[in-house]
N, C-alpha and C. Protein backbone atom coordinates (compact mmCIF):
# COMPACT_ATOMS: atom_id res chain seq x y z
N MET A 1 22.09 44.56 -5.83
CA MET A 1 23.43 44.36 -5.27
C MET A 1 24.40 44.10 -6.42
N THR A 2 25.53 44.81 -6.46
CA THR A 2 26.48 44.61 -7.54
C THR A 2 27.29 43.36 -7.31
N GLU A 3 27.93 42.90 -8.39
CA GLU A 3 28.77 41.70 -8.28
C GLU A 3 29.91 41.94 -7.32
N ARG A 4 30.47 43.16 -7.36
CA ARG A 4 31.57 43.49 -6.46
C ARG A 4 31.13 43.44 -5.01
N THR A 5 29.96 44.03 -4.73
CA THR A 5 29.47 44.03 -3.36
C THR A 5 29.21 42.63 -2.85
N ALA A 6 28.63 41.80 -3.71
CA ALA A 6 28.30 40.45 -3.30
C ALA A 6 29.52 39.63 -2.96
N SER A 7 30.67 39.99 -3.55
CA SER A 7 31.87 39.19 -3.34
C SER A 7 32.70 39.65 -2.15
N ARG A 8 32.27 40.75 -1.50
CA ARG A 8 33.05 41.25 -0.37
C ARG A 8 32.99 40.28 0.80
N PRO A 9 34.13 39.99 1.46
CA PRO A 9 34.17 39.00 2.55
C PRO A 9 33.23 39.34 3.69
N GLN A 10 33.11 40.65 4.02
CA GLN A 10 32.28 40.98 5.18
C GLN A 10 30.81 40.74 4.94
N ASP A 11 30.41 40.58 3.66
CA ASP A 11 29.01 40.32 3.36
C ASP A 11 28.70 38.84 3.25
N ALA A 12 29.73 38.01 3.36
CA ALA A 12 29.52 36.57 3.26
C ALA A 12 28.82 36.07 4.51
N PRO A 13 27.97 35.05 4.40
CA PRO A 13 27.29 34.52 5.59
C PRO A 13 28.29 33.95 6.58
N ALA A 14 27.95 34.04 7.86
CA ALA A 14 28.83 33.50 8.90
C ALA A 14 29.02 32.01 8.70
N ARG A 15 30.25 31.59 8.89
CA ARG A 15 30.54 30.16 8.75
C ARG A 15 29.89 29.38 9.88
N PRO A 16 29.13 28.33 9.59
CA PRO A 16 28.48 27.57 10.67
C PRO A 16 29.52 26.88 11.55
N ARG A 17 29.16 26.68 12.79
CA ARG A 17 30.06 25.98 13.69
C ARG A 17 30.23 24.53 13.24
N ARG A 18 31.42 23.98 13.49
CA ARG A 18 31.62 22.56 13.24
C ARG A 18 30.70 21.77 14.13
N ARG A 19 30.35 20.56 13.71
CA ARG A 19 29.38 19.77 14.48
C ARG A 19 29.87 19.49 15.89
N ASP A 20 31.17 19.21 16.03
CA ASP A 20 31.68 18.91 17.38
C ASP A 20 31.66 20.15 18.26
N ALA A 21 31.91 21.31 17.66
CA ALA A 21 31.86 22.56 18.44
C ALA A 21 30.42 22.85 18.88
N GLN A 22 29.45 22.61 17.99
CA GLN A 22 28.06 22.83 18.35
C GLN A 22 27.61 21.85 19.43
N ARG A 23 28.08 20.61 19.32
CA ARG A 23 27.74 19.62 20.36
C ARG A 23 28.30 20.06 21.71
N ASN A 24 29.53 20.56 21.71
CA ASN A 24 30.15 21.02 22.96
C ASN A 24 29.35 22.18 23.55
N ARG A 25 28.98 23.12 22.69
CA ARG A 25 28.22 24.28 23.17
C ARG A 25 26.88 23.83 23.75
N ASP A 26 26.19 22.95 23.04
CA ASP A 26 24.90 22.46 23.52
C ASP A 26 25.04 21.73 24.86
N ALA A 27 26.13 20.95 24.99
CA ALA A 27 26.36 20.21 26.23
C ALA A 27 26.64 21.16 27.39
N ILE A 28 27.39 22.23 27.12
CA ILE A 28 27.69 23.23 28.16
C ILE A 28 26.40 23.91 28.61
N VAL A 29 25.59 24.31 27.65
CA VAL A 29 24.34 25.00 27.98
C VAL A 29 23.42 24.10 28.80
N ALA A 30 23.32 22.82 28.40
CA ALA A 30 22.46 21.88 29.12
C ALA A 30 22.96 21.67 30.55
N ALA A 31 24.27 21.50 30.71
CA ALA A 31 24.84 21.30 32.04
C ALA A 31 24.68 22.55 32.90
N ALA A 32 24.89 23.71 32.29
CA ALA A 32 24.76 24.97 33.03
C ALA A 32 23.32 25.21 33.47
N ARG A 33 22.36 24.85 32.62
CA ARG A 33 20.95 25.05 32.97
C ARG A 33 20.61 24.27 34.25
N VAL A 34 21.09 23.03 34.34
CA VAL A 34 20.83 22.21 35.52
C VAL A 34 21.57 22.78 36.74
N ALA A 35 22.84 23.13 36.53
CA ALA A 35 23.65 23.60 37.66
C ALA A 35 23.13 24.91 38.22
N PHE A 36 22.78 25.85 37.35
CA PHE A 36 22.28 27.14 37.83
C PHE A 36 20.91 26.97 38.51
N ALA A 37 20.07 26.11 37.94
CA ALA A 37 18.75 25.91 38.54
C ALA A 37 18.85 25.31 39.93
N GLU A 38 19.82 24.41 40.13
CA GLU A 38 19.94 23.72 41.41
C GLU A 38 20.81 24.48 42.42
N LYS A 39 21.85 25.16 41.92
CA LYS A 39 22.84 25.74 42.83
C LYS A 39 22.89 27.26 42.79
N GLY A 40 22.18 27.87 41.85
CA GLY A 40 22.19 29.32 41.75
C GLY A 40 23.29 29.84 40.86
N LEU A 41 23.41 31.17 40.85
CA LEU A 41 24.34 31.83 39.94
C LEU A 41 25.80 31.55 40.26
N GLU A 42 26.08 31.10 41.47
CA GLU A 42 27.47 30.84 41.85
C GLU A 42 27.90 29.41 41.53
N ALA A 43 27.12 28.68 40.78
CA ALA A 43 27.49 27.32 40.40
C ALA A 43 28.88 27.32 39.77
N SER A 44 29.66 26.29 40.07
CA SER A 44 31.04 26.21 39.59
C SER A 44 31.09 26.02 38.07
N LEU A 45 31.84 26.88 37.40
CA LEU A 45 32.02 26.71 35.95
C LEU A 45 32.85 25.47 35.65
N GLU A 46 33.80 25.16 36.54
CA GLU A 46 34.57 23.93 36.36
C GLU A 46 33.65 22.70 36.45
N GLY A 47 32.71 22.75 37.41
CA GLY A 47 31.77 21.66 37.52
C GLY A 47 30.87 21.55 36.31
N ILE A 48 30.46 22.68 35.76
CA ILE A 48 29.63 22.67 34.55
C ILE A 48 30.40 22.06 33.39
N ALA A 49 31.65 22.45 33.24
CA ALA A 49 32.48 21.89 32.16
C ALA A 49 32.62 20.38 32.34
N ARG A 50 32.83 19.96 33.59
CA ARG A 50 32.99 18.53 33.85
C ARG A 50 31.72 17.76 33.50
N GLU A 51 30.58 18.28 33.89
CA GLU A 51 29.32 17.62 33.58
C GLU A 51 29.05 17.59 32.07
N ALA A 52 29.54 18.62 31.37
CA ALA A 52 29.35 18.67 29.92
C ALA A 52 30.34 17.79 29.18
N GLY A 53 31.35 17.29 29.89
CA GLY A 53 32.35 16.44 29.25
C GLY A 53 33.35 17.20 28.41
N VAL A 54 33.61 18.46 28.80
CA VAL A 54 34.58 19.27 28.05
C VAL A 54 35.58 19.88 29.02
N ALA A 55 36.68 20.36 28.48
CA ALA A 55 37.67 21.05 29.29
C ALA A 55 37.17 22.45 29.62
N ILE A 56 37.67 23.01 30.73
CA ILE A 56 37.24 24.35 31.12
C ILE A 56 37.61 25.37 30.04
N GLY A 57 38.72 25.13 29.33
CA GLY A 57 39.11 26.02 28.25
C GLY A 57 38.09 26.04 27.12
N THR A 58 37.47 24.89 26.88
CA THR A 58 36.42 24.82 25.86
C THR A 58 35.22 25.64 26.28
N LEU A 59 34.85 25.55 27.55
CA LEU A 59 33.73 26.36 28.04
C LEU A 59 34.03 27.85 27.83
N TYR A 60 35.26 28.27 28.16
CA TYR A 60 35.58 29.69 28.03
C TYR A 60 35.69 30.13 26.57
N ARG A 61 36.00 29.22 25.67
CA ARG A 61 36.00 29.60 24.26
C ARG A 61 34.59 29.93 23.79
N HIS A 62 33.61 29.20 24.28
CA HIS A 62 32.22 29.47 23.90
C HIS A 62 31.63 30.62 24.71
N PHE A 63 31.99 30.68 26.00
CA PHE A 63 31.42 31.69 26.90
C PHE A 63 32.57 32.30 27.70
N PRO A 64 33.14 33.41 27.21
CA PRO A 64 34.34 33.98 27.83
C PRO A 64 34.15 34.40 29.28
N THR A 65 32.90 34.69 29.69
CA THR A 65 32.63 35.12 31.06
C THR A 65 31.38 34.41 31.58
N ARG A 66 31.24 34.43 32.89
CA ARG A 66 30.02 33.89 33.51
C ARG A 66 28.80 34.66 32.99
N LEU A 67 28.95 35.97 32.83
CA LEU A 67 27.84 36.79 32.35
C LEU A 67 27.38 36.33 30.97
N ALA A 68 28.32 35.98 30.08
CA ALA A 68 27.95 35.51 28.74
C ALA A 68 27.12 34.24 28.83
N LEU A 69 27.48 33.35 29.75
CA LEU A 69 26.73 32.11 29.92
C LEU A 69 25.36 32.39 30.52
N VAL A 70 25.30 33.27 31.50
CA VAL A 70 24.02 33.66 32.10
C VAL A 70 23.10 34.24 31.04
N ASP A 71 23.63 35.12 30.21
CA ASP A 71 22.82 35.76 29.17
C ASP A 71 22.27 34.72 28.20
N GLU A 72 23.10 33.76 27.83
CA GLU A 72 22.64 32.70 26.92
C GLU A 72 21.52 31.88 27.54
N LEU A 73 21.68 31.56 28.82
CA LEU A 73 20.71 30.67 29.47
C LEU A 73 19.38 31.34 29.75
N PHE A 74 19.41 32.62 30.12
CA PHE A 74 18.20 33.23 30.65
C PHE A 74 17.49 34.18 29.69
N ALA A 75 18.03 34.35 28.49
CA ALA A 75 17.36 35.21 27.51
C ALA A 75 15.95 34.70 27.22
N GLU A 76 15.80 33.39 27.15
CA GLU A 76 14.47 32.83 26.86
C GLU A 76 13.48 33.13 27.99
N LYS A 77 13.94 33.04 29.23
CA LYS A 77 13.03 33.32 30.35
C LYS A 77 12.70 34.80 30.45
N PHE A 78 13.67 35.65 30.16
CA PHE A 78 13.36 37.08 30.17
C PHE A 78 12.43 37.44 29.01
N ALA A 79 12.54 36.71 27.90
CA ALA A 79 11.62 36.93 26.79
C ALA A 79 10.20 36.54 27.22
N TYR A 80 10.07 35.45 27.97
CA TYR A 80 8.77 35.04 28.49
C TYR A 80 8.21 36.10 29.44
N LEU A 81 9.08 36.63 30.30
CA LEU A 81 8.66 37.66 31.24
C LEU A 81 8.19 38.91 30.49
N LEU A 82 8.91 39.27 29.44
CA LEU A 82 8.53 40.44 28.65
C LEU A 82 7.20 40.21 27.95
N ASP A 83 6.99 39.01 27.41
CA ASP A 83 5.70 38.69 26.79
C ASP A 83 4.57 38.81 27.81
N ALA A 84 4.81 38.29 29.02
CA ALA A 84 3.79 38.36 30.07
C ALA A 84 3.48 39.81 30.43
N ALA A 85 4.52 40.64 30.50
CA ALA A 85 4.32 42.05 30.82
C ALA A 85 3.53 42.76 29.73
N GLU A 86 3.86 42.48 28.48
CA GLU A 86 3.16 43.12 27.36
C GLU A 86 1.69 42.74 27.36
N ALA A 87 1.39 41.46 27.64
CA ALA A 87 0.00 41.02 27.66
C ALA A 87 -0.75 41.65 28.84
N SER A 88 -0.12 41.70 29.99
CA SER A 88 -0.78 42.24 31.18
C SER A 88 -1.01 43.74 31.07
N ALA A 89 -0.13 44.43 30.35
CA ALA A 89 -0.21 45.89 30.26
C ALA A 89 -1.40 46.37 29.43
N VAL A 90 -2.03 45.47 28.67
CA VAL A 90 -3.15 45.89 27.83
C VAL A 90 -4.47 45.24 28.24
N MET A 91 -4.49 44.54 29.37
CA MET A 91 -5.73 43.92 29.82
C MET A 91 -6.75 44.98 30.20
N ASP A 92 -8.00 44.78 29.83
CA ASP A 92 -9.05 45.73 30.18
C ASP A 92 -9.23 45.82 31.70
N ASP A 93 -9.19 44.66 32.35
CA ASP A 93 -9.28 44.63 33.81
C ASP A 93 -7.87 44.83 34.36
N THR A 94 -7.57 46.02 34.84
CA THR A 94 -6.20 46.33 35.24
C THR A 94 -5.77 45.57 36.49
N TRP A 95 -6.72 45.25 37.38
CA TRP A 95 -6.36 44.43 38.54
C TRP A 95 -5.95 43.03 38.08
N GLU A 96 -6.69 42.47 37.13
CA GLU A 96 -6.32 41.17 36.59
C GLU A 96 -4.94 41.23 35.94
N GLY A 97 -4.67 42.31 35.22
CA GLY A 97 -3.35 42.46 34.60
C GLY A 97 -2.25 42.55 35.63
N PHE A 98 -2.50 43.29 36.70
CA PHE A 98 -1.52 43.44 37.79
C PHE A 98 -1.22 42.08 38.42
N CYS A 99 -2.26 41.34 38.74
CA CYS A 99 -2.08 40.02 39.37
C CYS A 99 -1.43 39.03 38.42
N SER A 100 -1.85 39.05 37.16
CA SER A 100 -1.32 38.11 36.19
C SER A 100 0.18 38.29 36.00
N PHE A 101 0.62 39.54 35.87
CA PHE A 101 2.05 39.79 35.68
C PHE A 101 2.85 39.31 36.88
N LEU A 102 2.41 39.65 38.08
CA LEU A 102 3.17 39.26 39.26
C LEU A 102 3.20 37.74 39.42
N GLU A 103 2.11 37.06 39.09
CA GLU A 103 2.12 35.60 39.21
C GLU A 103 3.07 34.96 38.21
N ARG A 104 3.07 35.45 36.96
CA ARG A 104 3.99 34.91 35.96
C ARG A 104 5.44 35.16 36.39
N PHE A 105 5.68 36.35 36.92
CA PHE A 105 7.02 36.70 37.39
C PHE A 105 7.48 35.76 38.51
N CYS A 106 6.61 35.53 39.47
CA CYS A 106 6.96 34.67 40.61
C CYS A 106 7.09 33.20 40.20
N GLU A 107 6.33 32.78 39.21
CA GLU A 107 6.48 31.41 38.70
C GLU A 107 7.89 31.18 38.16
N LEU A 108 8.42 32.17 37.44
CA LEU A 108 9.78 32.05 36.93
C LEU A 108 10.78 31.97 38.08
N GLN A 109 10.56 32.76 39.13
CA GLN A 109 11.43 32.67 40.30
C GLN A 109 11.38 31.28 40.93
N ALA A 110 10.18 30.74 41.03
CA ALA A 110 9.99 29.50 41.77
C ALA A 110 10.61 28.29 41.09
N CYS A 111 10.69 28.31 39.76
CA CYS A 111 11.14 27.11 39.05
C CYS A 111 12.64 27.07 38.81
N ASP A 112 13.36 28.11 39.23
CA ASP A 112 14.79 28.16 38.91
C ASP A 112 15.50 29.01 39.96
N ARG A 113 16.41 28.39 40.70
CA ARG A 113 17.09 29.10 41.79
C ARG A 113 17.91 30.28 41.26
N ALA A 114 18.54 30.10 40.10
CA ALA A 114 19.34 31.18 39.54
C ALA A 114 18.45 32.34 39.09
N PHE A 115 17.33 32.03 38.44
CA PHE A 115 16.43 33.12 38.05
C PHE A 115 15.85 33.79 39.28
N ASN A 116 15.64 33.02 40.33
CA ASN A 116 15.16 33.60 41.59
C ASN A 116 16.11 34.69 42.07
N ALA A 117 17.43 34.43 41.94
CA ALA A 117 18.41 35.45 42.31
C ALA A 117 18.44 36.59 41.29
N LEU A 118 18.30 36.25 40.02
CA LEU A 118 18.33 37.28 38.97
C LEU A 118 17.15 38.23 39.07
N ALA A 119 16.04 37.77 39.67
CA ALA A 119 14.85 38.60 39.76
C ALA A 119 15.13 39.89 40.51
N GLY A 120 16.08 39.86 41.44
CA GLY A 120 16.44 41.06 42.17
C GLY A 120 17.78 41.62 41.74
N ALA A 121 18.23 41.20 40.56
CA ALA A 121 19.57 41.57 40.11
C ALA A 121 19.56 42.77 39.20
N ARG A 122 20.75 43.27 38.93
CA ARG A 122 20.94 44.33 37.93
C ARG A 122 21.85 43.76 36.86
N LEU A 123 21.27 43.46 35.71
CA LEU A 123 22.04 42.91 34.60
C LEU A 123 22.53 44.04 33.71
N PRO A 124 23.75 43.95 33.22
CA PRO A 124 24.25 44.99 32.31
C PRO A 124 23.32 45.19 31.12
N ALA A 125 23.08 46.44 30.78
CA ALA A 125 22.12 46.77 29.72
C ALA A 125 22.56 46.27 28.35
N ARG A 126 23.86 46.00 28.19
CA ARG A 126 24.34 45.56 26.88
C ARG A 126 23.95 44.12 26.57
N THR A 127 23.50 43.37 27.56
CA THR A 127 23.10 41.98 27.33
C THR A 127 21.66 41.92 26.86
N ASN A 128 21.33 40.87 26.10
CA ASN A 128 19.95 40.69 25.67
C ASN A 128 19.02 40.57 26.87
N SER A 129 19.45 39.77 27.85
CA SER A 129 18.61 39.58 29.04
C SER A 129 18.42 40.89 29.78
N GLY A 130 19.48 41.68 29.90
CA GLY A 130 19.39 42.95 30.59
C GLY A 130 18.43 43.91 29.91
N GLN A 131 18.48 43.95 28.58
CA GLN A 131 17.58 44.83 27.83
C GLN A 131 16.12 44.41 27.99
N MET A 132 15.87 43.09 27.91
CA MET A 132 14.49 42.62 28.08
C MET A 132 14.00 42.83 29.49
N ASN A 133 14.89 42.65 30.47
CA ASN A 133 14.50 42.86 31.86
C ASN A 133 14.15 44.32 32.12
N GLU A 134 14.93 45.24 31.57
CA GLU A 134 14.62 46.66 31.75
C GLU A 134 13.30 47.03 31.10
N ARG A 135 13.04 46.47 29.92
CA ARG A 135 11.76 46.75 29.26
C ARG A 135 10.60 46.18 30.07
N ALA A 136 10.78 44.98 30.63
CA ALA A 136 9.74 44.39 31.47
C ALA A 136 9.48 45.24 32.70
N LYS A 137 10.53 45.83 33.29
CA LYS A 137 10.36 46.70 34.44
C LYS A 137 9.57 47.96 34.06
N GLU A 138 9.86 48.50 32.87
CA GLU A 138 9.11 49.67 32.40
C GLU A 138 7.63 49.33 32.25
N LEU A 139 7.36 48.16 31.69
CA LEU A 139 5.96 47.74 31.53
C LEU A 139 5.31 47.48 32.87
N ALA A 140 6.08 46.96 33.83
CA ALA A 140 5.53 46.73 35.17
C ALA A 140 5.06 48.05 35.77
N CYS A 141 5.79 49.13 35.51
CA CYS A 141 5.36 50.45 36.00
C CYS A 141 4.06 50.87 35.32
N THR A 142 3.95 50.58 34.01
CA THR A 142 2.72 50.89 33.29
C THR A 142 1.55 50.10 33.86
N ILE A 143 1.79 48.82 34.15
CA ILE A 143 0.75 47.96 34.72
C ILE A 143 0.28 48.52 36.06
N LEU A 144 1.24 48.93 36.89
CA LEU A 144 0.91 49.50 38.20
C LEU A 144 0.12 50.80 38.04
N GLN A 145 0.59 51.67 37.18
CA GLN A 145 -0.07 52.97 37.00
C GLN A 145 -1.49 52.82 36.47
N ARG A 146 -1.69 51.91 35.53
CA ARG A 146 -3.04 51.70 34.98
C ARG A 146 -3.98 51.19 36.07
N ALA A 147 -3.48 50.26 36.90
CA ALA A 147 -4.31 49.73 37.98
C ALA A 147 -4.64 50.80 39.01
N GLN A 148 -3.70 51.70 39.26
CA GLN A 148 -3.97 52.80 40.18
C GLN A 148 -4.97 53.78 39.59
N GLN A 149 -4.83 54.06 38.31
CA GLN A 149 -5.77 55.00 37.66
C GLN A 149 -7.19 54.45 37.65
N GLN A 150 -7.33 53.12 37.58
CA GLN A 150 -8.64 52.50 37.59
C GLN A 150 -9.16 52.30 39.02
N GLY A 151 -8.35 52.66 40.00
CA GLY A 151 -8.77 52.54 41.40
C GLY A 151 -8.67 51.14 41.96
N ALA A 152 -7.90 50.28 41.30
CA ALA A 152 -7.78 48.89 41.76
C ALA A 152 -6.64 48.71 42.75
N VAL A 153 -5.55 49.44 42.56
CA VAL A 153 -4.37 49.34 43.43
C VAL A 153 -4.24 50.63 44.22
N ARG A 154 -3.87 50.51 45.47
CA ARG A 154 -3.76 51.67 46.34
C ARG A 154 -2.82 52.71 45.73
N ALA A 155 -3.15 53.96 45.92
CA ALA A 155 -2.47 55.05 45.23
C ALA A 155 -1.07 55.31 45.77
N ASP A 156 -0.77 54.85 46.99
CA ASP A 156 0.53 55.17 47.58
C ASP A 156 1.62 54.14 47.27
N VAL A 157 1.31 53.14 46.44
CA VAL A 157 2.31 52.17 46.02
C VAL A 157 3.19 52.79 44.94
N THR A 158 4.50 52.65 45.08
CA THR A 158 5.44 53.18 44.09
C THR A 158 6.13 52.04 43.35
N ARG A 159 6.80 52.38 42.27
CA ARG A 159 7.53 51.36 41.51
C ARG A 159 8.60 50.72 42.38
N GLU A 160 9.17 51.49 43.33
CA GLU A 160 10.18 50.93 44.22
C GLU A 160 9.58 49.89 45.16
N ASP A 161 8.30 50.06 45.53
CA ASP A 161 7.65 49.06 46.38
C ASP A 161 7.58 47.70 45.70
N MET A 162 7.57 47.69 44.38
CA MET A 162 7.47 46.43 43.66
C MET A 162 8.69 45.55 43.89
N ALA A 163 9.82 46.18 44.24
CA ALA A 163 11.02 45.39 44.54
C ALA A 163 10.80 44.46 45.72
N PHE A 164 9.91 44.85 46.65
CA PHE A 164 9.65 44.01 47.81
C PHE A 164 9.08 42.65 47.41
N VAL A 165 8.34 42.62 46.31
CA VAL A 165 7.77 41.35 45.85
C VAL A 165 8.88 40.39 45.48
N ALA A 166 9.84 40.86 44.67
CA ALA A 166 10.95 39.99 44.25
C ALA A 166 11.79 39.57 45.44
N TRP A 167 12.12 40.52 46.31
CA TRP A 167 12.99 40.20 47.43
C TRP A 167 12.33 39.25 48.42
N SER A 168 11.06 39.47 48.72
CA SER A 168 10.39 38.58 49.68
C SER A 168 10.20 37.20 49.09
N MET A 169 9.84 37.15 47.81
CA MET A 169 9.64 35.85 47.17
C MET A 169 10.94 35.06 47.10
N GLU A 170 12.05 35.75 46.87
CA GLU A 170 13.33 35.05 46.79
C GLU A 170 13.59 34.25 48.06
N GLY A 171 13.39 34.89 49.22
CA GLY A 171 13.62 34.20 50.48
C GLY A 171 12.61 33.10 50.74
N ILE A 172 11.35 33.35 50.44
CA ILE A 172 10.31 32.35 50.68
C ILE A 172 10.51 31.12 49.81
N ILE A 173 10.85 31.35 48.56
CA ILE A 173 11.08 30.22 47.64
C ILE A 173 12.27 29.39 48.11
N GLN A 174 13.34 30.04 48.52
CA GLN A 174 14.49 29.30 49.03
C GLN A 174 14.13 28.49 50.27
N ALA A 175 13.32 29.07 51.15
CA ALA A 175 12.99 28.41 52.41
C ALA A 175 12.04 27.24 52.24
N THR A 176 11.14 27.30 51.26
CA THR A 176 10.05 26.31 51.17
C THR A 176 10.11 25.40 49.95
N SER A 177 11.09 25.60 49.07
CA SER A 177 11.07 24.89 47.78
C SER A 177 11.08 23.37 47.93
N VAL A 178 11.70 22.85 48.99
CA VAL A 178 11.78 21.40 49.17
C VAL A 178 10.53 20.87 49.86
N VAL A 179 10.09 21.54 50.91
CA VAL A 179 8.97 21.00 51.70
C VAL A 179 7.60 21.40 51.17
N ALA A 180 7.50 22.55 50.53
CA ALA A 180 6.21 23.02 50.01
C ALA A 180 6.46 23.92 48.80
N PRO A 181 6.75 23.35 47.66
CA PRO A 181 7.20 24.13 46.50
C PRO A 181 6.19 25.13 45.95
N ARG A 182 4.93 25.03 46.37
CA ARG A 182 3.93 26.00 45.89
C ARG A 182 3.48 26.97 46.99
N ALA A 183 4.16 26.96 48.11
CA ALA A 183 3.79 27.85 49.21
C ALA A 183 3.92 29.32 48.82
N TRP A 184 4.79 29.62 47.87
CA TRP A 184 4.98 31.01 47.46
C TRP A 184 3.68 31.63 46.96
N ARG A 185 2.77 30.82 46.40
CA ARG A 185 1.52 31.37 45.87
C ARG A 185 0.65 31.91 47.00
N ARG A 186 0.67 31.23 48.14
CA ARG A 186 -0.10 31.74 49.29
C ARG A 186 0.44 33.11 49.70
N HIS A 187 1.75 33.23 49.79
CA HIS A 187 2.33 34.50 50.19
C HIS A 187 2.04 35.58 49.15
N LEU A 188 2.12 35.23 47.87
CA LEU A 188 1.85 36.21 46.82
C LEU A 188 0.44 36.77 46.97
N TYR A 189 -0.53 35.90 47.20
CA TYR A 189 -1.90 36.39 47.28
C TYR A 189 -2.18 37.14 48.58
N LEU A 190 -1.44 36.88 49.62
CA LEU A 190 -1.50 37.74 50.80
C LEU A 190 -0.97 39.13 50.45
N LEU A 191 0.12 39.17 49.68
CA LEU A 191 0.66 40.45 49.25
C LEU A 191 -0.32 41.19 48.34
N LEU A 192 -0.94 40.45 47.43
CA LEU A 192 -1.87 41.10 46.50
C LEU A 192 -3.03 41.75 47.24
N ASP A 193 -3.53 41.09 48.28
CA ASP A 193 -4.59 41.71 49.08
C ASP A 193 -4.11 43.02 49.71
N ALA A 194 -2.83 43.06 50.08
CA ALA A 194 -2.29 44.30 50.67
C ALA A 194 -2.20 45.42 49.65
N PHE A 195 -2.13 45.08 48.37
CA PHE A 195 -2.06 46.09 47.32
C PHE A 195 -3.43 46.66 46.95
N ARG A 196 -4.49 46.00 47.34
CA ARG A 196 -5.83 46.44 46.94
C ARG A 196 -6.15 47.81 47.50
N ALA A 197 -6.76 48.63 46.67
CA ALA A 197 -7.10 49.99 47.09
C ALA A 197 -8.04 50.00 48.29
N GLU A 198 -9.01 49.05 48.30
CA GLU A 198 -9.99 49.07 49.39
C GLU A 198 -9.40 48.60 50.72
N CYS A 199 -8.17 48.05 50.67
CA CYS A 199 -7.53 47.60 51.91
C CYS A 199 -6.53 48.63 52.45
N ALA A 200 -6.46 49.77 51.81
CA ALA A 200 -5.41 50.73 52.13
C ALA A 200 -5.58 51.37 53.50
N HIS A 201 -4.49 51.39 54.24
CA HIS A 201 -4.38 52.16 55.47
C HIS A 201 -3.08 52.96 55.38
N GLU A 202 -3.00 54.00 56.17
CA GLU A 202 -1.79 54.83 56.13
C GLU A 202 -0.58 53.99 56.52
N LEU A 203 0.50 54.14 55.75
CA LEU A 203 1.71 53.36 55.99
C LEU A 203 2.65 54.11 56.92
N PRO A 204 3.35 53.39 57.81
CA PRO A 204 4.17 54.06 58.84
C PRO A 204 5.50 54.59 58.33
N GLU A 205 5.94 54.14 57.15
CA GLU A 205 7.24 54.57 56.62
C GLU A 205 7.08 55.00 55.17
N PRO A 206 7.92 55.93 54.70
CA PRO A 206 7.86 56.34 53.30
C PRO A 206 8.43 55.24 52.40
N PRO A 207 8.16 55.30 51.09
CA PRO A 207 8.72 54.30 50.18
C PRO A 207 10.23 54.50 50.02
N LEU A 208 10.91 53.45 49.60
CA LEU A 208 12.32 53.58 49.28
C LEU A 208 12.48 54.50 48.07
N SER A 209 13.58 55.20 48.03
CA SER A 209 13.91 56.00 46.86
C SER A 209 14.59 55.10 45.83
N PRO A 210 14.67 55.52 44.57
CA PRO A 210 15.42 54.71 43.59
C PRO A 210 16.86 54.46 44.02
N GLN A 211 17.48 55.46 44.66
CA GLN A 211 18.86 55.28 45.13
C GLN A 211 18.95 54.22 46.22
N GLN A 212 17.96 54.18 47.10
CA GLN A 212 17.97 53.17 48.16
C GLN A 212 17.77 51.76 47.60
N VAL A 213 16.93 51.66 46.58
CA VAL A 213 16.76 50.35 45.92
C VAL A 213 18.08 49.91 45.31
N ALA A 214 18.76 50.82 44.61
CA ALA A 214 20.04 50.48 43.99
C ALA A 214 21.07 50.07 45.05
N GLN A 215 21.10 50.79 46.17
CA GLN A 215 22.04 50.46 47.25
C GLN A 215 21.72 49.10 47.85
N THR A 216 20.43 48.78 47.95
CA THR A 216 20.04 47.48 48.49
C THR A 216 20.48 46.36 47.58
N ILE A 217 20.30 46.54 46.28
CA ILE A 217 20.74 45.53 45.31
C ILE A 217 22.25 45.32 45.43
N ASP A 218 22.99 46.42 45.55
CA ASP A 218 24.45 46.30 45.71
C ASP A 218 24.79 45.55 46.99
N ALA A 219 24.08 45.85 48.07
CA ALA A 219 24.36 45.19 49.35
C ALA A 219 24.05 43.69 49.29
N LEU A 220 23.04 43.33 48.48
CA LEU A 220 22.68 41.93 48.34
C LEU A 220 23.57 41.22 47.32
N GLU A 221 24.52 41.94 46.72
CA GLU A 221 25.42 41.39 45.70
C GLU A 221 24.61 40.79 44.56
N CYS A 222 23.59 41.55 44.11
CA CYS A 222 22.72 41.07 43.06
C CYS A 222 23.05 41.66 41.69
N CYS A 223 24.28 42.10 41.50
CA CYS A 223 24.67 42.64 40.21
C CYS A 223 25.54 41.61 39.50
N VAL A 224 25.11 41.14 38.35
CA VAL A 224 25.86 40.12 37.61
C VAL A 224 26.82 40.83 36.67
N GLU A 225 28.11 40.66 36.90
CA GLU A 225 29.12 41.34 36.10
C GLU A 225 29.90 40.33 35.26
N ASP A 226 30.76 40.86 34.40
CA ASP A 226 31.66 40.00 33.63
C ASP A 226 32.67 39.37 34.58
N CYS A 227 32.60 38.07 34.72
CA CYS A 227 33.56 37.37 35.58
C CYS A 227 33.59 35.90 35.17
């Protein structure tokens, strides 16, 4: 590197945040994590700012949109989901991989009301969370296909059928989280038995098309936009 290049402003390291600014950001993230987990994606940003002890303008300086805050909060969970998908996609026992991925996925839904909603959402691809979620969905298709090729999962299950897991779990988790917070596991394993190849019977309706899945997500208002 030449002396001239080293002295160029654009090559200088980013200036670290002031301590008070970092404290404010950390407080906003902590308050948002609690609010989203308890109240879902529609949690009040004004309420989050109030709990963090900052003005709403300060929140918007750090996170100009709700989407920016969502991306900050859930990137770690989507990274966990992606790790689970990568591990499940290479398991020798493809049925075990299929079950393992779905259980890890549903665990994330069960522990956080906002993530429960995000599980059936469409996140913009430009966000870190959106990119990881799309990659996890691609791996989920690989997991399904491997299990079908090994004869573990019924052959007529499509990638669109997998959306039923997220949608059904979302409602069950919301309904039972207070009185029986682990009831979702019973429902998941009932579903898993229905996926088994040896349990297959002819289905009365065709699978949803990709367009129908997209229309359903839109109807459920599960698309997180800049707002």
